[in-house]
Protein backbone atom coordinates (compact mmCIF):
# COMPACT_ATOMS: atom_id res chain seq x y z
CA MET A 1 -26.05 2.22 3.77
CA ARG A 2 -26.88 5.38 5.36
CA ARG A 3 -27.19 8.76 3.24
CA ILE A 4 -26.32 12.43 3.49
CA PRO A 5 -28.84 14.76 2.12
CA LEU A 6 -26.81 17.02 0.13
CA ARG A 7 -27.97 20.05 -2.39
CA ARG A 8 -28.37 18.39 -6.15
CA PRO A 9 -25.56 19.74 -8.44
CA SER A 10 -26.95 21.33 -11.55
CA ARG A 11 -27.46 19.11 -14.89
CA LYS A 12 -24.82 20.78 -16.46
CA PHE A 13 -22.28 18.59 -14.36
CA TYR A 14 -24.28 15.53 -15.21
CA THR A 15 -26.72 13.69 -18.22
CA SER A 16 -27.69 10.41 -16.29
CA ARG A 17 -30.73 10.67 -13.43
CA LEU A 18 -29.75 7.56 -12.29
CA PHE A 19 -26.14 8.34 -11.87
CA LEU A 20 -26.90 11.95 -10.21
CA GLU A 21 -29.33 9.82 -7.68
CA ALA A 22 -26.29 7.77 -6.76
CA ILE A 23 -24.42 10.79 -5.86
CA VAL A 24 -23.40 11.12 -2.29
CA ILE A 25 -19.98 13.11 -2.24
CA ARG A 26 -18.95 15.92 -4.25
CA ILE A 27 -15.64 16.81 -4.66
CA GLY A 28 -13.63 19.57 -5.57
CA ILE A 29 -9.54 19.36 -5.96
CA VAL A 30 -7.15 21.72 -6.37
CA GLY A 31 -4.19 21.16 -7.92
CA THR A 32 -2.87 18.89 -10.94
CA GLY A 33 -0.09 17.61 -9.18
CA TYR A 34 0.86 13.67 -8.20
CA GLY A 35 -1.78 13.34 -5.51
CA ALA A 36 -4.01 15.04 -6.86
CA ARG A 37 -4.35 13.19 -10.20
CA GLU A 38 -4.25 10.22 -7.62
CA MET A 39 -7.01 11.55 -6.34
CA MET A 40 -9.31 11.84 -9.60
CA ARG A 41 -8.36 8.75 -10.08
CA LEU A 42 -10.03 7.20 -7.34
CA ALA A 43 -12.93 9.89 -7.96
CA ALA A 44 -13.68 7.92 -10.91
CA ILE A 45 -14.19 4.26 -9.74
CA HIS A 46 -15.69 5.73 -6.33
CA PRO A 47 -19.51 4.09 -6.34
CA GLU A 48 -20.66 7.53 -4.21
CA ILE A 49 -18.21 10.24 -4.94
CA ALA A 50 -18.48 12.61 -8.20
CA LEU A 51 -15.66 15.16 -9.19
CA VAL A 52 -17.34 18.44 -9.89
CA ALA A 53 -14.51 20.90 -9.98
CA VAL A 54 -10.90 20.76 -10.95
CA ALA A 55 -8.50 24.30 -9.48
CA SER A 56 -5.49 25.28 -10.95
CA THR A 57 -4.67 28.54 -12.18
CA SER A 58 -1.62 27.23 -14.43
CA ALA A 59 -4.17 25.67 -16.41
CA ALA A 60 -7.51 27.30 -15.93
CA GLY A 61 -9.40 27.75 -18.92
CA LYS A 62 -8.16 23.66 -20.64
CA PRO A 63 -10.18 20.76 -20.67
CA LEU A 64 -8.81 18.49 -17.80
CA GLY A 65 -8.48 15.68 -20.60
CA ASP A 66 -6.04 18.14 -22.18
CA VAL A 67 -3.87 18.86 -18.89
CA LEU A 68 -4.39 15.05 -17.65
CA PRO A 69 -4.49 12.94 -20.92
CA ALA A 70 -5.60 10.07 -18.63
CA PHE A 71 -8.27 11.42 -17.58
CA ARG A 72 -10.25 12.13 -21.40
CA ASN A 73 -13.62 9.75 -21.62
CA VAL A 74 -13.32 9.83 -17.64
CA HIS A 75 -13.87 13.36 -15.88
CA ASP A 76 -16.10 15.00 -18.07
CA LEU A 77 -14.27 18.47 -16.91
CA THR A 78 -12.95 21.73 -17.64
CA VAL A 79 -10.00 23.50 -15.36
CA GLU A 80 -11.16 26.48 -13.61
CA THR A 81 -9.43 29.53 -11.58
CA PHE A 82 -9.18 28.76 -7.96
CA ASP A 83 -12.18 30.67 -6.43
CA ALA A 84 -13.05 29.60 -2.44
CA ALA A 85 -16.59 30.58 -2.57
CA ALA A 86 -17.47 28.86 -5.95
CA LEU A 87 -16.01 25.63 -4.79
CA ALA A 88 -17.40 25.98 -1.34
CA LYS A 89 -21.33 26.76 -3.14
CA LYS A 90 -20.44 23.56 -5.52
CA CYS A 91 -18.68 20.86 -3.08
CA ASP A 92 -19.11 18.76 -0.07
CA ALA A 93 -15.27 18.26 0.63
CA VAL A 94 -12.63 20.24 -1.05
CA VAL A 95 -9.23 18.07 -1.66
CA ILE A 96 -6.10 20.18 -1.91
CA GLY A 97 -3.84 18.43 -3.90
CA VAL A 98 -0.22 21.39 -4.13
CA PRO A 99 2.89 21.63 -3.27
CA SER A 100 3.84 22.12 0.98
CA GLY A 101 4.38 25.75 1.71
CA GLN A 102 1.50 27.09 -0.95
CA SER A 103 -2.00 25.53 0.66
CA ILE A 104 -1.77 28.18 3.58
CA SER A 105 -3.57 30.67 1.70
CA VAL A 106 -5.98 28.17 -0.33
CA VAL A 107 -6.88 26.01 2.60
CA SER A 108 -7.50 29.22 4.49
CA ALA A 109 -10.00 30.71 2.26
CA LEU A 110 -11.92 27.34 1.73
CA ARG A 111 -12.26 27.52 5.41
CA ASP A 112 -13.79 30.67 5.50
CA ALA A 113 -15.65 30.14 2.86
CA GLY A 114 -17.81 27.36 4.77
CA ALA A 115 -15.94 24.06 2.53
CA ARG A 116 -15.02 21.14 4.34
CA VAL A 117 -11.07 20.93 3.51
CA LEU A 118 -8.82 18.03 3.07
CA ASP A 119 -4.86 18.91 2.57
CA LEU A 120 -2.51 16.50 0.64
CA GLY A 121 0.21 18.64 1.76
CA GLY A 122 2.71 19.30 5.41
CA ASP A 123 0.74 22.70 5.80
CA PHE A 124 -1.18 21.62 8.58
CA ARG A 125 0.04 18.63 10.10
CA LEU A 126 2.05 20.21 12.97
CA LYS A 127 0.60 21.49 15.77
CA ASP A 128 3.60 23.62 17.00
CA THR A 129 3.94 26.47 14.18
CA ALA A 130 7.55 27.35 15.78
CA ALA A 131 8.55 23.21 14.84
CA PHE A 132 6.95 24.19 11.12
CA GLU A 133 8.33 27.26 10.62
CA LYS A 134 11.90 25.52 11.93
CA TYR A 135 12.12 22.87 9.47
CA TYR A 136 9.51 24.50 6.48
CA LYS A 137 11.98 27.41 6.77
CA GLU A 138 8.59 29.86 6.65
CA LYS A 139 6.09 31.58 8.67
CA HIS A 140 2.53 30.11 8.90
CA GLY A 141 0.68 32.77 9.07
CA ALA A 142 -2.74 30.45 9.93
CA ALA A 143 -2.36 29.44 13.55
CA HIS A 144 -6.30 29.81 14.04
CA HIS A 145 -6.65 26.45 11.00
CA VAL A 146 -4.00 24.77 12.42
CA ALA A 147 -5.99 24.45 16.05
CA GLU A 148 -8.61 22.61 14.38
CA SER A 149 -7.06 20.42 11.98
CA VAL A 150 -7.06 16.19 12.42
CA TYR A 151 -4.96 14.50 11.27
CA GLY A 152 -6.04 12.62 8.97
CA LEU A 153 -4.54 8.74 9.89
CA ALA A 154 -7.55 6.78 9.14
CA PRO A 155 -6.71 3.92 12.20
CA VAL A 156 -5.97 6.03 14.90
CA TYR A 157 -8.05 9.08 14.43
CA ARG A 158 -11.19 7.58 13.31
CA GLU A 159 -13.81 9.40 15.92
CA GLN A 160 -12.43 12.55 15.28
CA LEU A 161 -12.40 12.47 11.31
CA LYS A 162 -16.41 11.94 11.47
CA SER A 163 -17.37 15.38 12.38
CA ALA A 164 -13.58 17.39 10.46
CA GLN A 165 -13.44 20.52 9.17
CA LEU A 166 -10.20 20.28 7.79
CA VAL A 167 -7.98 16.95 7.58
CA CYS A 168 -4.50 17.21 7.11
CA VAL A 169 -3.47 14.20 5.13
CA PRO A 170 -0.33 12.64 6.93
CA GLY A 171 3.04 12.43 5.22
CA CYS A 172 3.69 8.81 3.33
CA TYR A 173 6.96 8.52 5.20
CA PRO A 174 5.64 9.13 8.70
CA ILE A 175 2.29 6.90 7.80
CA SER A 176 5.05 4.17 6.83
CA ALA A 177 6.46 5.18 11.04
CA ILE A 178 3.89 5.48 12.88
CA LEU A 179 1.52 2.58 12.11
CA PRO A 180 4.66 -0.28 12.10
CA LEU A 181 5.58 2.14 15.74
CA ARG A 182 2.37 3.00 17.65
CA PRO A 183 1.21 -0.50 18.86
CA ILE A 184 4.32 -1.43 20.32
CA LEU A 185 5.94 2.30 21.38
CA ASP A 186 5.07 1.58 25.60
CA HIS A 187 8.30 -1.27 25.29
CA ALA A 188 10.53 1.41 23.94
CA SER A 189 13.71 1.55 25.54
CA THR A 190 14.46 5.60 26.27
CA ASP A 191 18.14 5.25 25.83
CA ILE A 192 18.51 5.76 22.01
CA PRO A 193 16.34 6.86 19.34
CA ILE A 194 14.72 4.25 17.36
CA VAL A 195 15.76 3.89 13.99
CA ILE A 196 13.87 4.99 10.93
CA ASP A 197 15.46 3.99 7.53
CA ALA A 198 12.83 4.56 4.35
CA ILE A 199 13.17 4.44 0.68
CA SER A 200 10.82 6.21 -1.24
CA GLY A 201 10.11 6.06 -5.34
CA ILE A 202 10.28 9.20 -7.22
CA SER A 203 7.50 10.29 -7.35
CA GLY A 204 7.45 11.14 -3.38
CA ALA A 205 9.48 14.27 -4.77
CA GLY A 206 6.33 15.84 -6.56
CA ARG A 207 5.24 16.29 -10.29
CA SER A 208 7.32 19.66 -10.64
CA PRO A 209 11.08 18.25 -12.56
CA SER A 210 14.24 18.85 -10.71
CA ASP A 211 17.63 18.24 -11.78
CA GLY A 212 18.05 16.08 -8.20
CA TYR A 213 14.87 13.92 -9.98
CA HIS A 214 15.86 14.11 -13.33
CA PHE A 215 15.81 10.65 -15.12
CA PRO A 216 20.02 10.31 -15.65
CA GLU A 217 20.31 11.58 -12.19
CA MET A 218 18.41 8.61 -10.35
CA ASN A 219 18.28 6.05 -12.69
CA GLU A 220 20.39 3.03 -11.44
CA ASN A 221 20.82 5.25 -8.43
CA LEU A 222 20.12 5.32 -4.86
CA LYS A 223 20.61 8.35 -2.53
CA ALA A 224 20.19 9.36 0.87
CA TYR A 225 18.96 13.16 1.34
CA LYS A 226 17.81 16.16 4.25
CA LEU A 227 19.65 14.04 6.87
CA GLY A 228 18.67 15.30 10.48
CA VAL A 229 16.51 17.92 8.99
CA HIS A 230 13.50 16.61 7.35
CA GLN A 231 10.29 17.92 7.96
CA HIS A 232 8.89 14.64 8.72
CA VAL A 233 10.91 13.87 12.21
CA PRO A 234 8.34 16.65 13.94
CA GLU A 235 5.52 15.40 12.28
CA ILE A 236 6.50 11.71 13.15
CA GLU A 237 7.43 12.77 16.95
CA GLN A 238 4.41 14.69 17.42
CA GLU A 239 1.89 11.44 15.97
CA LEU A 240 4.46 9.37 18.68
CA GLY A 241 3.28 11.86 21.45
CA HIS A 242 6.88 12.62 21.71
CA ARG A 243 7.26 9.43 23.54
CA ALA A 244 10.50 8.65 21.53
CA MET A 245 12.91 10.29 19.45
CA VAL A 246 13.22 9.24 15.68
CA GLN A 247 16.78 8.92 13.97
CA PHE A 248 14.98 9.37 10.87
CA THR A 249 16.97 8.88 7.51
CA PRO A 250 15.01 9.09 4.04
CA HIS A 251 16.33 7.75 0.30
CA VAL A 252 15.03 8.17 -2.95
CA ALA A 253 15.19 5.16 -5.13
CA PRO A 254 14.33 4.62 -8.87
CA LEU A 255 10.79 3.48 -8.69
CA THR A 256 8.19 5.45 -9.95
CA ARG A 257 5.79 4.89 -6.40
CA GLY A 258 6.17 3.00 -2.89
CA ILE A 259 7.71 2.71 -0.10
CA LEU A 260 9.71 0.61 1.92
CA THR A 261 10.84 1.63 6.00
CA THR A 262 13.16 -0.36 7.38
CA ILE A 263 12.51 0.04 11.48
CA THR A 264 15.33 -0.43 14.26
CA PHE A 265 13.16 -0.79 17.55
CA ARG A 266 15.31 -1.64 20.59
CA PRO A 267 12.63 -3.01 23.19
CA ALA A 268 13.59 -2.07 27.05
CA GLY A 269 11.85 -5.48 28.12
CA ALA A 270 10.41 -8.28 26.89
CA ILE A 271 7.91 -7.98 24.60
CA ASP A 272 4.98 -9.85 22.41
CA PRO A 273 4.69 -8.22 18.44
CA VAL A 274 2.02 -10.35 18.39
CA ALA A 275 -0.47 -9.28 20.97
CA ALA A 276 0.36 -5.89 20.35
CA TYR A 277 0.01 -5.81 16.19
CA ALA A 278 -3.66 -8.09 16.92
CA SER A 279 -5.30 -4.29 17.85
CA TYR A 280 -5.19 -3.88 13.94
CA ALA A 281 -6.68 -7.09 13.63
CA GLN A 282 -9.82 -5.48 12.36
CA GLU A 283 -7.88 -2.23 10.94
CA PRO A 284 -9.25 -2.89 6.71
CA PHE A 285 -6.17 -1.87 5.59
CA VAL A 286 -3.19 -2.42 7.98
CA ARG A 287 -1.94 -5.60 6.96
CA VAL A 288 0.29 -7.40 9.75
CA LEU A 289 1.91 -10.05 8.45
CA PRO A 290 3.57 -13.57 10.84
CA GLN A 291 6.50 -13.32 12.22
CA GLY A 292 9.15 -13.50 9.59
CA GLN A 293 7.82 -12.65 6.21
CA LEU A 294 8.29 -9.27 5.17
CA PRO A 295 6.46 -7.18 3.25
CA GLU A 296 7.32 -5.74 -0.17
CA VAL A 297 6.60 -2.80 -2.35
CA LYS A 298 4.96 -4.80 -5.00
CA HIS A 299 2.40 -6.53 -2.97
CA VAL A 300 1.32 -2.92 -1.78
CA ARG A 301 1.57 -0.98 -5.03
CA GLY A 302 -1.36 0.52 -6.81
CA SER A 303 -3.39 0.01 -3.65
CA ASN A 304 -4.42 1.35 -0.09
CA PHE A 305 -2.65 -1.39 2.17
CA CYS A 306 0.30 -1.16 4.23
CA ASP A 307 1.57 -4.38 5.16
CA ILE A 308 3.91 -4.84 8.61
CA GLY A 309 6.29 -7.34 9.11
CA TRP A 310 9.33 -7.95 11.79
CA THR A 311 11.72 -10.59 12.72
CA THR A 312 13.76 -10.34 15.97
CA ASP A 313 17.52 -10.01 16.51
CA ALA A 314 18.26 -12.50 18.88
CA ARG A 315 22.17 -11.32 18.53
CA THR A 316 21.52 -7.53 19.04
CA GLY A 317 18.52 -7.77 20.71
CA ASN A 318 16.64 -5.47 18.24
CA LEU A 319 13.50 -5.85 16.76
CA LEU A 320 13.11 -5.00 13.34
CA ILE A 321 9.78 -4.01 11.52
CA ILE A 322 9.56 -3.36 7.94
CA CYS A 323 6.63 -1.47 6.29
CA ALA A 324 5.24 -1.58 3.02
CA ILE A 325 3.06 0.90 1.01
CA ASP A 326 2.20 3.09 -2.01
CA ASN A 327 3.44 6.20 -1.05
CA LEU A 328 0.82 8.02 -3.59
CA MET A 329 -1.97 5.44 -2.16
CA GLY A 330 -2.14 4.48 1.19
CA GLY A 331 0.47 7.80 1.37
CA THR A 332 -1.66 9.95 0.15
CA ALA A 333 -4.56 9.74 -1.71
CA GLY A 334 -6.23 6.46 -0.94
CA MET A 335 -5.86 7.22 3.07
CA ALA A 336 -7.43 11.00 2.02
CA VAL A 337 -10.36 8.85 0.81
CA GLN A 338 -10.87 6.87 3.70
CA CYS A 339 -10.81 10.09 5.59
CA LEU A 340 -13.60 10.69 3.04
CA ASN A 341 -15.50 8.05 3.72
CA ILE A 342 -15.43 8.24 7.63
CA MET A 343 -16.26 11.82 7.52
CA PHE A 344 -19.79 11.20 5.07
CA GLY A 345 -20.33 7.62 7.19
CA LEU A 346 -19.44 5.65 4.58
CA ASP A 347 -17.85 1.81 4.87
CA GLU A 348 -14.14 2.70 4.89
CA ARG A 349 -13.74 0.25 2.22
CA THR A 350 -15.75 2.28 -0.59
CA GLY A 351 -13.92 2.79 -3.99
CA LEU A 352 -10.50 1.16 -1.84
CA ASN A 353 -11.47 -2.43 -1.34
CA PHE A 354 -8.24 -3.78 -3.88
CA ALA A 355 -5.31 -5.38 -3.97
CA GLY A 356 -1.65 -4.47 -5.31
CA MET A 357 -0.81 -3.98 -8.79
CA ALA A 358 1.45 -6.91 -8.87
CA PRO A 359 3.58 -7.45 -11.28
């Protein structure tokens, strides 16, 4: 494995010389939400990553184990106030895990300080800032950083990621639509939109509490939301090269994590999905199932895998595609770690090569 020469952190962060010598990538994390927490979990088991800083203004000065008890005896850190210059100096990459709309200033400050950044939010995914302002309902204000961003979908942008300085990790819904659609998109009928129905676990709404996702509201419930106006519509269409219009309907279910997406695809003519999906044969985390075998959330839960299954409907002529991912792993933090591995010349599977949690 090629090792990257890096500045060594001070001994105050580590007490074991052997551990010190094994470090390749020193990362900082901004935020303590679900995506940030998942990054902390993955950092703890990744043999070539060391978490050296966590920044969150709301929790600054507190031991990380007090803020997030799951990390007691895992990460011996005190939460810092966000300081772009300090993070850029001590970290080889900084991961931003704050809600969309809040990372524009954070990412801008870090990039201006020279930090290499991965943003888990949606603020830098759309290349068209007018589309961002339409769907996110706010001005962007950092178009120059949008121009340098690389969309962090590893199977598609692997080469660009190697030298990327700003990576915008995709949304979880878009990943579950883009990966199944890209290999077959040339066969799509242009007469009707591609229909995407996706169901997500509640963790996709983030850590901040709200009435709509309160336990009594979601237990034994299933609901659709933001029909026709969801911010992931332009993201999906952008990453399909604007070659197709999509009808995207998101749903939320009383699951903690996971996404199951059903795509109704009308072919323009004869199509061989087996041949099309052969393009994923060497992808470490994309698993294409045989015809008629359909993915389930429980098979990817807690993993970085994206499972794709398909069948044809002879009566309607449609191709039906099912995709399952874990929204916090293959849809967020796991994809970010895969990108980090690529950015620093590591095997993409490093720290991620484990199966889903089932049952």
